[in-house]
Amino acid sequence: MSFDSGDSTERLLSLEEIKAHEKETLQVLWQYCRKHKIRMWLAYGSLLGAVRHKDLIPWDDDIDVVMLADDYFQLIELLKETNGFIDDRYRFVCSAIDSRCPVSWGKVIDTHTLVEEEILDIDSIPSLNGLWVDIFPLYGVHKQKFIQKGATTVSDFLYLLMRIACWKRLPGIGKRGQLVASIFGRFAKRIGYAAFAKSLELWLKFCFPTTKKARSVFCSARPEREFPIALFQKSIPLVLGNRKYPAPANYDTMLTMMYGDYRTIPPVEERVYHPMKAWLLK
């Protein structure tokens, strides 16, 4: 990424300022979803933070929500009309709206900010790479296990190529991932991360059943972990900062599936950090 942080029109943000901007982005997303009757839930570290800390995890600096894929596609169709812009500051991006999008899920971007992630080598564009809230669609699981396995094998491969194409280094991808990187690394970078993100998004949309007909759902970033769709039939409000957002009513089951003993705060050496810098654009 090329970015001149010494430009007088930008100001480097502190961690607390980053969190404040992200929580404001979450609020904008939630207001829009509520207006259009689109369901969403706090998820992953953000859900864990709301349950354990009533806020973001103290050492974390991003926000995740999930939507059932049917709701996610409805959100895309609504925002295509405005090129993703919810208002003049906040923009929803995904490959279906902006072909330059570096990931296969959705993000709501604060376009008045710009982010530099230490591990990523992607284009520095505020409308694509500002502070964000991740929206992970949950796709339906095939009833036949062999079909699900075959389909997710393809999606895993596309996901890995997407990541290889935009990573500066390859963290925690295991021996199989390292082998794929050694064979396809140059090819992936030549094709570009955006092409793989688009291909993966299309594959997921057309290859998996609608969530209305599915008994279980999965996230493409972790296809081996399937959640009963019944977890999302009821919602409860949870406090995150000074506002409330919907969470699965049976969040204990979801968090236990993901983290095991999630109420115990991990020691410092086991905490996962997200190294990045963010600037406020004037």
C-alpha atoms as a PDB file:
ATOM      1  CA  MET A   1       0.000   0.000   0.000  1.00  0.00           C
ATOM      2  CA  SER A   2       1.262   3.439  -0.858  1.00  0.00           C
ATOM      3  CA  PHE A   3       0.068   6.180   1.478  1.00  0.00           C
ATOM      4  CA  ASP A   4       1.696   9.351   2.715  1.00  0.00           C
ATOM      5  CA  SER A   5       0.799   9.575   6.399  1.00  0.00           C
ATOM      6  CA  GLY A   6       2.696  12.841   6.629  1.00  0.00           C
ATOM      7  CA  ASP A   7       0.117  14.694   4.544  1.00  0.00           C
ATOM      8  CA  SER A   8      -1.272  17.607   6.572  1.00  0.00           C
ATOM      9  CA  THR A   9      -4.822  16.704   5.580  1.00  0.00           C
ATOM     10  CA  GLU A  10      -4.728  13.421   7.539  1.00  0.00           C
ATOM     11  CA  ARG A  11      -4.533  12.643  11.246  1.00  0.00           C
ATOM     12  CA  LEU A  12      -3.415   9.349  12.737  1.00  0.00           C
ATOM     13  CA  LEU A  13      -6.099   7.839  14.975  1.00  0.00           C
ATOM     14  CA  SER A  14      -5.563   6.220  18.368  1.00  0.00           C
ATOM     15  CA  LEU A  15      -6.965   2.761  19.170  1.00  0.00           C
ATOM     16  CA  GLU A  16      -9.835   4.294  21.139  1.00  0.00           C
ATOM     17  CA  GLU A  17     -10.645   6.639  18.250  1.00  0.00           C
ATOM     18  CA  ILE A  18     -10.588   3.691  15.841  1.00  0.00           C
ATOM     19  CA  LYS A  19     -13.084   1.856  18.038  1.00  0.00           C
ATOM     20  CA  ALA A  20     -15.327   4.920  18.271  1.00  0.00           C
ATOM     21  CA  HIS A  21     -15.428   5.281  14.474  1.00  0.00           C
ATOM     22  CA  GLU A  22     -16.181   1.582  14.050  1.00  0.00           C
ATOM     23  CA  LYS A  23     -18.994   1.662  16.599  1.00  0.00           C
ATOM     24  CA  GLU A  24     -20.520   4.634  14.797  1.00  0.00           C
ATOM     25  CA  THR A  25     -20.314   2.652  11.537  1.00  0.00           C
ATOM     26  CA  LEU A  26     -22.088  -0.263  13.242  1.00  0.00           C
ATOM     27  CA  GLN A  27     -24.853   2.063  14.373  1.00  0.00           C
ATOM     28  CA  VAL A  28     -25.354   3.382  10.820  1.00  0.00           C
ATOM     29  CA  LEU A  29     -25.553  -0.193   9.507  1.00  0.00           C
ATOM     30  CA  TRP A  30     -28.024  -1.263  12.190  1.00  0.00           C
ATOM     31  CA  GLN A  31     -30.296   1.724  11.581  1.00  0.00           C
ATOM     32  CA  TYR A  32     -30.343   0.951   7.859  1.00  0.00           C
ATOM     33  CA  CYS A  33     -31.045  -2.754   8.414  1.00  0.00           C
ATOM     34  CA  ARG A  34     -33.807  -2.032  10.902  1.00  0.00           C
ATOM     35  CA  LYS A  35     -35.423   0.418   8.464  1.00  0.00           C
ATOM     36  CA  HIS A  36     -35.437  -2.182   5.690  1.00  0.00           C
ATOM     37  CA  LYS A  37     -36.279  -5.184   7.920  1.00  0.00           C
ATOM     38  CA  ILE A  38     -32.963  -6.934   7.266  1.00  0.00           C
ATOM     39  CA  ARG A  39     -31.812  -9.223  10.068  1.00  0.00           C
ATOM     40  CA  MET A  40     -28.285  -9.038  11.448  1.00  0.00           C
ATOM     41  CA  TRP A  41     -26.535 -10.234  14.573  1.00  0.00           C
ATOM     42  CA  LEU A  42     -23.322  -9.481  16.440  1.00  0.00           C
ATOM     43  CA  ALA A  43     -20.870 -12.302  15.815  1.00  0.00           C
ATOM     44  CA  TYR A  44     -17.417 -13.709  16.591  1.00  0.00           C
ATOM     45  CA  GLY A  45     -15.217 -11.369  18.654  1.00  0.00           C
ATOM     46  CA  SER A  46     -17.848  -8.629  18.692  1.00  0.00           C
ATOM     47  CA  LEU A  47     -20.449 -10.983  20.171  1.00  0.00           C
ATOM     48  CA  LEU A  48     -17.869 -12.233  22.657  1.00  0.00           C
ATOM     49  CA  GLY A  49     -17.022  -8.647  23.622  1.00  0.00           C
ATOM     50  CA  ALA A  50     -20.684  -7.747  24.119  1.00  0.00           C
ATOM     51  CA  VAL A  51     -21.264 -10.782  26.367  1.00  0.00           C
ATOM     52  CA  ARG A  52     -18.029 -10.620  28.363  1.00  0.00           C
ATOM     53  CA  HIS A  53     -17.198  -6.891  28.396  1.00  0.00           C
ATOM     54  CA  LYS A  54     -20.425  -5.163  27.265  1.00  0.00           C
ATOM     55  CA  ASP A  55     -18.171  -3.497  24.693  1.00  0.00           C
ATOM     56  CA  LEU A  56     -15.516  -4.454  22.168  1.00  0.00           C
ATOM     57  CA  ILE A  57     -12.819  -6.773  23.493  1.00  0.00           C
ATOM     58  CA  PRO A  58     -10.273  -4.348  25.008  1.00  0.00           C
ATOM     59  CA  TRP A  59      -7.395  -5.441  22.748  1.00  0.00           C
ATOM     60  CA  ASP A  60      -9.552  -5.916  19.627  1.00  0.00           C
ATOM     61  CA  ASP A  61     -10.140  -3.303  16.942  1.00  0.00           C
ATOM     62  CA  ASP A  62     -12.700  -4.606  14.472  1.00  0.00           C
ATOM     63  CA  ILE A  63     -16.422  -5.392  14.448  1.00  0.00           C
ATOM     64  CA  ASP A  64     -18.122  -8.430  12.924  1.00  0.00           C
ATOM     65  CA  VAL A  65     -21.782  -9.128  12.227  1.00  0.00           C
ATOM     66  CA  VAL A  66     -23.492 -11.984  10.413  1.00  0.00           C
ATOM     67  CA  MET A  67     -26.574 -12.148   8.204  1.00  0.00           C
ATOM     68  CA  LEU A  68     -28.378 -15.071   6.679  1.00  0.00           C
ATOM     69  CA  ALA A  69     -27.428 -15.084   3.009  1.00  0.00           C
ATOM     70  CA  ASP A  70     -30.985 -14.324   1.864  1.00  0.00           C
ATOM     71  CA  ASP A  71     -30.949 -11.086   3.881  1.00  0.00           C
ATOM     72  CA  TYR A  72     -27.450 -10.298   2.668  1.00  0.00           C
ATOM     73  CA  PHE A  73     -28.505 -10.548  -0.987  1.00  0.00           C
ATOM     74  CA  GLN A  74     -31.457  -8.273  -0.222  1.00  0.00           C
ATOM     75  CA  LEU A  75     -29.037  -5.724   1.248  1.00  0.00           C
ATOM     76  CA  ILE A  76     -26.926  -5.867  -1.917  1.00  0.00           C
ATOM     77  CA  GLU A  77     -29.932  -5.258  -4.161  1.00  0.00           C
ATOM     78  CA  LEU A  78     -31.055  -2.277  -2.091  1.00  0.00           C
ATOM     79  CA  LEU A  79     -27.645  -0.617  -2.123  1.00  0.00           C
ATOM     80  CA  LYS A  80     -26.753  -1.280  -5.752  1.00  0.00           C
ATOM     81  CA  GLU A  81     -28.943   1.714  -6.603  1.00  0.00           C
ATOM     82  CA  THR A  82     -26.582   4.067  -4.719  1.00  0.00           C
ATOM     83  CA  ASN A  83     -23.285   2.341  -5.571  1.00  0.00           C
ATOM     84  CA  GLY A  84     -23.243   1.064  -1.990  1.00  0.00           C
ATOM     85  CA  PHE A  85     -23.584   4.434  -0.265  1.00  0.00           C
ATOM     86  CA  ILE A  86     -25.870   4.374   2.769  1.00  0.00           C
ATOM     87  CA  ASP A  87     -25.317   8.128   3.073  1.00  0.00           C
ATOM     88  CA  ASP A  88     -22.605  10.563   1.981  1.00  0.00           C
ATOM     89  CA  ARG A  89     -20.075   9.043   4.412  1.00  0.00           C
ATOM     90  CA  TYR A  90     -20.773   5.330   4.849  1.00  0.00           C
ATOM     91  CA  ARG A  91     -20.570   2.833   2.004  1.00  0.00           C
ATOM     92  CA  PHE A  92     -21.401  -0.853   1.798  1.00  0.00           C
ATOM     93  CA  VAL A  93     -18.976  -2.685  -0.491  1.00  0.00           C
ATOM     94  CA  CYS A  94     -18.795  -6.215  -1.841  1.00  0.00           C
ATOM     95  CA  SER A  95     -17.718  -7.698  -5.151  1.00  0.00           C
ATOM     96  CA  ALA A  96     -21.243  -7.387  -6.567  1.00  0.00           C
ATOM     97  CA  ILE A  97     -21.155  -3.609  -6.012  1.00  0.00           C
ATOM     98  CA  ASP A  98     -17.469  -2.787  -6.555  1.00  0.00           C
ATOM     99  CA  SER A  99     -15.303  -5.132  -8.624  1.00  0.00           C
ATOM    100  CA  ARG A 100     -12.200  -3.882  -6.776  1.00  0.00           C
ATOM    101  CA  CYS A 101     -13.412  -5.267  -3.431  1.00  0.00           C
ATOM    102  CA  PRO A 102     -10.602  -7.330  -1.859  1.00  0.00           C
ATOM    103  CA  VAL A 103     -12.822  -9.837   0.012  1.00  0.00           C
ATOM    104  CA  SER A 104     -15.751 -12.155  -0.707  1.00  0.00           C
ATOM    105  CA  TRP A 105     -17.993 -10.809   2.069  1.00  0.00           C
ATOM    106  CA  GLY A 106     -19.422  -7.358   2.724  1.00  0.00           C
ATOM    107  CA  LYS A 107     -17.992  -4.363   4.528  1.00  0.00           C
ATOM    108  CA  VAL A 108     -19.492  -1.063   5.612  1.00  0.00           C
ATOM    109  CA  ILE A 109     -16.759   1.520   5.161  1.00  0.00           C
ATOM    110  CA  ASP A 110     -16.277   4.880   6.860  1.00  0.00           C
ATOM    111  CA  THR A 111     -15.053   6.725   3.757  1.00  0.00           C
ATOM    112  CA  HIS A 112     -13.701   9.618   5.844  1.00  0.00           C
ATOM    113  CA  THR A 113     -10.934   7.314   7.082  1.00  0.00           C
ATOM    114  CA  LEU A 114      -8.132   5.312   5.496  1.00  0.00           C
ATOM    115  CA  VAL A 115      -6.548   2.123   6.858  1.00  0.00           C
ATOM    116  CA  GLU A 116      -3.162   0.499   6.409  1.00  0.00           C
ATOM    117  CA  GLU A 117      -2.961  -3.122   7.551  1.00  0.00           C
ATOM    118  CA  GLU A 118       0.544  -4.450   8.135  1.00  0.00           C
ATOM    119  CA  ILE A 119      -0.180  -7.824   6.608  1.00  0.00           C
ATOM    120  CA  LEU A 120      -2.102  -6.741   3.492  1.00  0.00           C
ATOM    121  CA  ASP A 121      -0.937  -5.304   0.191  1.00  0.00           C
ATOM    122  CA  ILE A 122      -4.091  -3.809  -1.313  1.00  0.00           C
ATOM    123  CA  ASP A 123      -5.070  -0.592  -3.066  1.00  0.00           C
ATOM    124  CA  SER A 124      -5.306   2.451  -0.819  1.00  0.00           C
ATOM    125  CA  ILE A 125      -8.790   3.778  -1.623  1.00  0.00           C
ATOM    126  CA  PRO A 126     -10.940   5.391   1.122  1.00  0.00           C
ATOM    127  CA  SER A 127     -14.226   4.141  -0.380  1.00  0.00           C
ATOM    128  CA  LEU A 128     -12.845   0.572  -0.193  1.00  0.00           C
ATOM    129  CA  ASN A 129     -10.288   0.649   2.592  1.00  0.00           C
ATOM    130  CA  GLY A 130     -11.503   2.891   5.380  1.00  0.00           C
ATOM    131  CA  LEU A 131     -12.368   1.711   8.884  1.00  0.00           C
ATOM    132  CA  TRP A 132     -15.044  -0.928   8.550  1.00  0.00           C
ATOM    133  CA  VAL A 133     -17.616  -3.328   9.943  1.00  0.00           C
ATOM    134  CA  ASP A 134     -17.425  -6.812   8.413  1.00  0.00           C
ATOM    135  CA  ILE A 135     -20.691  -8.450   7.297  1.00  0.00           C
ATOM    136  CA  PHE A 136     -20.321 -12.212   6.946  1.00  0.00           C
ATOM    137  CA  PRO A 137     -23.200 -13.903   5.098  1.00  0.00           C
ATOM    138  CA  LEU A 138     -24.196 -17.325   6.383  1.00  0.00           C
ATOM    139  CA  TYR A 139     -24.873 -19.763   3.539  1.00  0.00           C
ATOM    140  CA  GLY A 140     -27.124 -22.804   3.597  1.00  0.00           C
ATOM    141  CA  VAL A 141     -25.570 -26.246   4.064  1.00  0.00           C
ATOM    142  CA  HIS A 142     -26.390 -29.019   1.585  1.00  0.00           C
ATOM    143  CA  LYS A 143     -28.259 -31.972   3.089  1.00  0.00           C
ATOM    144  CA  GLN A 144     -25.919 -34.402   1.310  1.00  0.00           C
ATOM    145  CA  LYS A 145     -22.566 -34.260   3.072  1.00  0.00           C
ATOM    146  CA  PHE A 146     -20.528 -35.268   0.011  1.00  0.00           C
ATOM    147  CA  ILE A 147     -22.013 -32.375  -1.994  1.00  0.00           C
ATOM    148  CA  GLN A 148     -21.262 -29.949   0.833  1.00  0.00           C
ATOM    149  CA  LYS A 149     -17.712 -31.272   1.101  1.00  0.00           C
ATOM    150  CA  GLY A 150     -17.067 -30.959  -2.621  1.00  0.00           C
ATOM    151  CA  ALA A 151     -18.544 -27.459  -2.828  1.00  0.00           C
ATOM    152  CA  THR A 152     -16.610 -26.169   0.179  1.00  0.00           C
ATOM    153  CA  THR A 153     -13.380 -27.684  -1.154  1.00  0.00           C
ATOM    154  CA  VAL A 154     -13.704 -25.376  -4.157  1.00  0.00           C
ATOM    155  CA  SER A 155     -14.626 -22.380  -1.990  1.00  0.00           C
ATOM    156  CA  ASP A 156     -11.677 -23.091   0.329  1.00  0.00           C
ATOM    157  CA  PHE A 157      -9.320 -23.075  -2.668  1.00  0.00           C
ATOM    158  CA  LEU A 158     -10.706 -19.784  -4.011  1.00  0.00           C
ATOM    159  CA  TYR A 159     -10.574 -18.258  -0.526  1.00  0.00           C
ATOM    160  CA  LEU A 160      -6.940 -19.229  -0.100  1.00  0.00           C
ATOM    161  CA  LEU A 161      -6.001 -17.836  -3.530  1.00  0.00           C
ATOM    162  CA  MET A 162      -7.785 -14.580  -2.644  1.00  0.00           C
ATOM    163  CA  ARG A 163      -5.763 -14.332   0.550  1.00  0.00           C
ATOM    164  CA  ILE A 164      -2.458 -15.293  -1.061  1.00  0.00           C
ATOM    165  CA  ALA A 165      -3.006 -12.590  -3.696  1.00  0.00           C
ATOM    166  CA  CYS A 166      -3.254  -9.800  -1.111  1.00  0.00           C
ATOM    167  CA  TRP A 167      -1.050 -10.974   1.774  1.00  0.00           C
ATOM    168  CA  LYS A 168       2.445  -9.615   2.285  1.00  0.00           C
ATOM    169  CA  ARG A 169       3.197 -12.713   4.350  1.00  0.00           C
ATOM    170  CA  LEU A 170       1.262 -15.888   5.033  1.00  0.00           C
ATOM    171  CA  PRO A 171       0.246 -16.264   8.684  1.00  0.00           C
ATOM    172  CA  GLY A 172      -1.237 -19.445  10.138  1.00  0.00           C
ATOM    173  CA  ILE A 173      -2.404 -21.162   6.951  1.00  0.00           C
ATOM    174  CA  GLY A 174      -0.970 -24.575   7.775  1.00  0.00           C
ATOM    175  CA  LYS A 175       1.069 -26.974   5.660  1.00  0.00           C
ATOM    176  CA  ARG A 176      -1.611 -27.385   2.995  1.00  0.00           C
ATOM    177  CA  GLY A 177      -1.944 -23.618   2.661  1.00  0.00           C
ATOM    178  CA  GLN A 178       1.816 -23.183   2.415  1.00  0.00           C
ATOM    179  CA  LEU A 179       1.907 -25.836  -0.322  1.00  0.00           C
ATOM    180  CA  VAL A 180      -0.838 -24.075  -2.283  1.00  0.00           C
ATOM    181  CA  ALA A 181       0.995 -20.761  -1.822  1.00  0.00           C
ATOM    182  CA  SER A 182       4.267 -22.197  -3.105  1.00  0.00           C
ATOM    183  CA  ILE A 183       2.583 -23.601  -6.230  1.00  0.00           C
ATOM    184  CA  PHE A 184       0.029 -20.902  -7.027  1.00  0.00           C
ATOM    185  CA  GLY A 185       1.487 -17.791  -5.322  1.00  0.00           C
ATOM    186  CA  ARG A 186       2.759 -16.048  -8.458  1.00  0.00           C
ATOM    187  CA  PHE A 187      -0.360 -17.000 -10.404  1.00  0.00           C
ATOM    188  CA  ALA A 188      -2.617 -15.641  -7.636  1.00  0.00           C
ATOM    189  CA  LYS A 189      -0.832 -12.293  -7.458  1.00  0.00           C
ATOM    190  CA  ARG A 190      -0.850 -11.955 -11.240  1.00  0.00           C
ATOM    191  CA  ILE A 191      -4.616 -12.565 -11.429  1.00  0.00           C
ATOM    192  CA  GLY A 192      -5.273 -10.316  -8.416  1.00  0.00           C
ATOM    193  CA  TYR A 193      -7.243 -10.630  -5.184  1.00  0.00           C
ATOM    194  CA  ALA A 194     -10.348  -8.882  -6.554  1.00  0.00           C
ATOM    195  CA  ALA A 195     -10.847 -11.525  -9.267  1.00  0.00           C
ATOM    196  CA  PHE A 196     -10.744 -14.346  -6.716  1.00  0.00           C
ATOM    197  CA  ALA A 197     -13.043 -12.434  -4.348  1.00  0.00           C
ATOM    198  CA  LYS A 198     -15.582 -12.031  -7.153  1.00  0.00           C
ATOM    199  CA  SER A 199     -15.307 -15.676  -8.218  1.00  0.00           C
ATOM    200  CA  LEU A 200     -15.746 -16.884  -4.645  1.00  0.00           C
ATOM    201  CA  GLU A 201     -18.743 -14.634  -4.045  1.00  0.00           C
ATOM    202  CA  LEU A 202     -20.451 -15.961  -7.187  1.00  0.00           C
ATOM    203  CA  TRP A 203     -19.623 -19.581  -6.294  1.00  0.00           C
ATOM    204  CA  LEU A 204     -21.092 -19.218  -2.815  1.00  0.00           C
ATOM    205  CA  LYS A 205     -24.247 -17.525  -4.053  1.00  0.00           C
ATOM    206  CA  PHE A 206     -25.100 -20.063  -6.725  1.00  0.00           C
ATOM    207  CA  CYS A 207     -23.694 -23.300  -5.282  1.00  0.00           C
ATOM    208  CA  PHE A 208     -25.343 -23.434  -1.852  1.00  0.00           C
ATOM    209  CA  PRO A 209     -29.035 -23.693  -0.928  1.00  0.00           C
ATOM    210  CA  THR A 210     -31.007 -20.694   0.250  1.00  0.00           C
ATOM    211  CA  THR A 211     -31.133 -20.270   3.989  1.00  0.00           C
ATOM    212  CA  LYS A 212     -34.934 -20.599   3.858  1.00  0.00           C
ATOM    213  CA  LYS A 213     -34.517 -24.271   2.972  1.00  0.00           C
ATOM    214  CA  ALA A 214     -31.431 -25.075   5.060  1.00  0.00           C
ATOM    215  CA  ARG A 215     -31.212 -26.653   8.501  1.00  0.00           C
ATOM    216  CA  SER A 216     -27.674 -25.439   9.079  1.00  0.00           C
ATOM    217  CA  VAL A 217     -25.577 -22.515   7.873  1.00  0.00           C
ATOM    218  CA  PHE A 218     -21.872 -21.760   7.570  1.00  0.00           C
ATOM    219  CA  CYS A 219     -19.537 -18.824   6.984  1.00  0.00           C
ATOM    220  CA  SER A 220     -17.208 -19.085   3.989  1.00  0.00           C
ATOM    221  CA  ALA A 221     -14.232 -18.001   6.112  1.00  0.00           C
ATOM    222  CA  ARG A 222     -14.757 -21.059   8.384  1.00  0.00           C
ATOM    223  CA  PRO A 223     -16.742 -23.628   6.337  1.00  0.00           C
ATOM    224  CA  GLU A 224     -15.902 -26.479   8.699  1.00  0.00           C
ATOM    225  CA  ARG A 225     -18.004 -24.848  11.449  1.00  0.00           C
ATOM    226  CA  GLU A 226     -21.729 -25.218  10.844  1.00  0.00           C
ATOM    227  CA  PHE A 227     -24.393 -23.558  12.979  1.00  0.00           C
ATOM    228  CA  PRO A 228     -27.975 -24.834  13.353  1.00  0.00           C
ATOM    229  CA  ILE A 229     -30.184 -22.255  11.703  1.00  0.00           C
ATOM    230  CA  ALA A 230     -32.416 -22.490  14.779  1.00  0.00           C
ATOM    231  CA  LEU A 231     -29.787 -20.380  16.593  1.00  0.00           C
ATOM    232  CA  PHE A 232     -30.987 -17.396  14.568  1.00  0.00           C
ATOM    233  CA  GLN A 233     -34.729 -17.789  15.024  1.00  0.00           C
ATOM    234  CA  LYS A 234     -34.790 -15.575  18.117  1.00  0.00           C
ATOM    235  CA  SER A 235     -32.759 -12.479  18.964  1.00  0.00           C
ATOM    236  CA  ILE A 236     -32.021 -10.534  22.114  1.00  0.00           C
ATOM    237  CA  PRO A 237     -30.434  -7.082  22.503  1.00  0.00           C
ATOM    238  CA  LEU A 238     -26.920  -6.946  23.950  1.00  0.00           C
ATOM    239  CA  VAL A 239     -24.995  -3.864  25.030  1.00  0.00           C
ATOM    240  CA  LEU A 240     -21.939  -2.943  22.972  1.00  0.00           C
ATOM    241  CA  GLY A 241     -20.509   0.310  24.244  1.00  0.00           C
ATOM    242  CA  ASN A 242     -23.415   2.638  24.933  1.00  0.00           C
ATOM    243  CA  ARG A 243     -25.878   1.053  22.478  1.00  0.00           C
ATOM    244  CA  LYS A 244     -27.722  -2.228  22.045  1.00  0.00           C
ATOM    245  CA  TYR A 245     -27.572  -4.536  19.065  1.00  0.00           C
ATOM    246  CA  PRO A 246     -29.242  -7.865  18.206  1.00  0.00           C
ATOM    247  CA  ALA A 247     -27.532 -11.120  19.096  1.00  0.00           C
ATOM    248  CA  PRO A 248     -28.686 -14.735  18.808  1.00  0.00           C
ATOM    249  CA  ALA A 249     -30.836 -15.479  21.864  1.00  0.00           C
ATOM    250  CA  ASN A 250     -28.874 -18.686  22.414  1.00  0.00           C
ATOM    251  CA  TYR A 251     -25.510 -16.938  22.123  1.00  0.00           C
ATOM    252  CA  ASP A 252     -23.991 -19.276  24.721  1.00  0.00           C
ATOM    253  CA  THR A 253     -24.244 -22.207  22.302  1.00  0.00           C
ATOM    254  CA  MET A 254     -22.746 -20.182  19.457  1.00  0.00           C
ATOM    255  CA  LEU A 255     -19.837 -18.847  21.514  1.00  0.00           C
ATOM    256  CA  THR A 256     -19.117 -22.246  23.047  1.00  0.00           C
ATOM    257  CA  MET A 257     -18.973 -23.778  19.572  1.00  0.00           C
ATOM    258  CA  MET A 258     -16.467 -21.128  18.503  1.00  0.00           C
ATOM    259  CA  TYR A 259     -14.318 -20.578  21.598  1.00  0.00           C
ATOM    260  CA  GLY A 260     -15.016 -23.248  24.198  1.00  0.00           C
ATOM    261  CA  ASP A 261     -14.646 -21.588  27.615  1.00  0.00           C
ATOM    262  CA  TYR A 262     -15.284 -18.115  26.262  1.00  0.00           C
ATOM    263  CA  ARG A 263     -15.903 -16.411  29.622  1.00  0.00           C
ATOM    264  CA  THR A 264     -12.313 -16.906  30.799  1.00  0.00           C
ATOM    265  CA  ILE A 265     -10.129 -14.002  29.644  1.00  0.00           C
ATOM    266  CA  PRO A 266      -7.069 -15.404  27.837  1.00  0.00           C
ATOM    267  CA  PRO A 267      -3.543 -14.624  29.031  1.00  0.00           C
ATOM    268  CA  VAL A 268      -1.711 -11.799  27.274  1.00  0.00           C
ATOM    269  CA  GLU A 269       0.395 -14.126  25.101  1.00  0.00           C
ATOM    270  CA  GLU A 270      -2.753 -15.767  23.654  1.00  0.00           C
ATOM    271  CA  ARG A 271      -4.582 -12.570  22.735  1.00  0.00           C
ATOM    272  CA  VAL A 272      -5.048 -11.940  19.024  1.00  0.00           C
ATOM    273  CA  TYR A 273      -4.205  -8.446  17.833  1.00  0.00           C
ATOM    274  CA  HIS A 274      -4.968  -6.824  14.495  1.00  0.00           C
ATOM    275  CA  PRO A 275      -1.969  -4.666  13.569  1.00  0.00           C
ATOM    276  CA  MET A 276      -3.064  -1.664  11.540  1.00  0.00           C
ATOM    277  CA  LYS A 277      -2.968   2.108  11.355  1.00  0.00           C
ATOM    278  CA  ALA A 278      -5.881   4.392  10.522  1.00  0.00           C
ATOM    279  CA  TRP A 279      -6.078   8.023   9.509  1.00  0.00           C
ATOM    280  CA  LEU A 280      -8.955  10.483   9.618  1.00  0.00           C
ATOM    281  CA  LEU A 281      -9.253  12.276   6.288  1.00  0.00           C
ATOM    282  CA  LYS A 282     -10.037  15.971   6.275  1.00  0.00           C
END
